[in-house]
């Protein structure tokens, strides 16, 4: 998630992406995302295995910022908010 194009980034995992993004968008979760206005879903991955998702999140969190920006822009070069694409689940 991001606050804006090239803005503050947040990486996390959950079991219901649309619910979790909604919570962040509406400021329902106190903490980092609320404090920094991180409300836009700009990239995501789906995993069938929770442990795989947790491991992937941990790896991405250790990445350099430039690598994260490249990951986002490879799939979403315009930094569109993808929330409405996934809001049905």
Protein backbone atom coordinates (compact mmCIF):
# COMPACT_ATOMS: atom_id res chain seq x y z
CA UNK A 1 0.00 0.00 0.00
CA UNK A 2 1.09 3.60 -0.54
CA UNK A 3 0.15 7.09 0.51
CA UNK A 4 0.67 8.36 -3.04
CA UNK A 5 2.94 7.73 -6.02
CA UNK A 6 6.48 7.30 -4.65
CA UNK A 7 5.12 8.11 -1.18
CA UNK A 8 5.14 6.17 2.05
CA UNK A 9 4.95 2.40 1.51
CA UNK A 10 3.46 -0.32 3.70
CA UNK A 11 3.81 -4.06 3.29
CA UNK A 12 1.62 -6.55 5.12
CA UNK A 13 -0.28 -9.79 4.76
CA UNK A 14 -3.82 -10.79 5.67
CA UNK A 15 -6.45 -13.44 5.05
CA UNK A 16 -9.00 -11.03 3.48
CA UNK A 17 -7.38 -8.42 1.27
CA UNK A 18 -10.51 -6.39 0.54
CA UNK A 19 -11.45 -6.21 4.24
CA UNK A 20 -7.94 -5.22 5.30
CA UNK A 21 -7.56 -2.56 2.60
CA UNK A 22 -10.98 -1.15 3.53
CA UNK A 23 -9.86 -0.90 7.16
CA UNK A 24 -6.73 1.01 6.12
CA UNK A 25 -8.63 3.27 3.70
CA UNK A 26 -11.13 4.24 6.37
CA UNK A 27 -8.49 4.75 9.08
CA UNK A 28 -10.00 2.02 11.27
CA UNK A 29 -6.62 0.61 12.29
CA UNK A 30 -4.45 2.79 14.52
CA UNK A 31 -0.76 2.83 13.77
CA UNK A 32 1.60 3.36 10.85
CA UNK A 33 -0.85 3.40 7.95
CA UNK A 34 -3.24 5.78 9.68
CA UNK A 35 -0.44 8.08 10.85
CA UNK A 36 1.10 8.36 7.38
CA UNK A 37 -2.09 8.30 5.29
CA UNK A 38 -1.29 5.01 3.58
CA UNK A 39 -4.63 4.20 1.93
CA UNK A 40 -3.98 3.13 -1.66
CA UNK A 41 -3.57 -0.49 -2.71
CA UNK A 42 -0.95 -0.26 -5.45
CA UNK A 43 0.32 -3.84 -5.56
CA UNK A 44 -0.54 -7.26 -4.12
CA UNK A 45 0.21 -10.94 -4.40
CA UNK A 46 -2.07 -13.86 -3.63
CA UNK A 47 -0.73 -16.99 -1.94
CA UNK A 48 -2.44 -20.30 -1.24
CA UNK A 49 -0.28 -20.97 1.81
CA UNK A 50 -0.25 -18.65 4.84
CA UNK A 51 3.35 -19.52 5.75
CA UNK A 52 4.48 -18.71 2.22
CA UNK A 53 2.71 -15.34 2.45
CA UNK A 54 4.34 -14.55 5.80
CA UNK A 55 7.78 -15.44 4.45
CA UNK A 56 7.25 -13.32 1.33
CA UNK A 57 6.13 -10.34 3.42
CA UNK A 58 9.25 -10.63 5.58
CA UNK A 59 11.51 -10.78 2.51
CA UNK A 60 9.88 -7.75 0.86
CA UNK A 61 10.12 -5.72 4.08
CA UNK A 62 13.91 -6.22 4.00
CA UNK A 63 14.19 -5.02 0.39
CA UNK A 64 15.63 -1.67 -0.57
CA UNK A 65 13.03 0.97 -1.39
CA UNK A 66 14.09 1.05 -5.06
CA UNK A 67 13.35 -2.67 -5.39
CA UNK A 68 9.87 -2.15 -3.95
CA UNK A 69 9.22 0.73 -6.35
CA UNK A 70 10.31 -1.47 -9.28
CA UNK A 71 8.00 -4.26 -8.10
CA UNK A 72 5.02 -1.87 -8.00
CA UNK A 73 5.80 -0.17 -11.30
CA UNK A 74 6.31 -3.45 -13.16
CA UNK A 75 2.62 -4.28 -12.62
CA UNK A 76 1.11 -0.86 -11.93
CA UNK A 77 3.16 1.88 -13.63
CA UNK A 78 0.46 4.51 -13.06
CA UNK A 79 0.11 3.68 -9.36
CA UNK A 80 -3.63 3.13 -9.74
CA UNK A 81 -5.56 2.30 -6.57
CA UNK A 82 -6.39 -1.39 -7.06
CA UNK A 83 -8.94 -1.56 -4.24
CA UNK A 84 -11.98 -1.60 -6.52
CA UNK A 85 -10.48 -4.42 -8.56
CA UNK A 86 -10.38 -6.69 -5.49
CA UNK A 87 -13.32 -5.29 -3.46
CA UNK A 88 -15.60 -8.15 -4.47
CA UNK A 89 -13.81 -10.90 -2.47
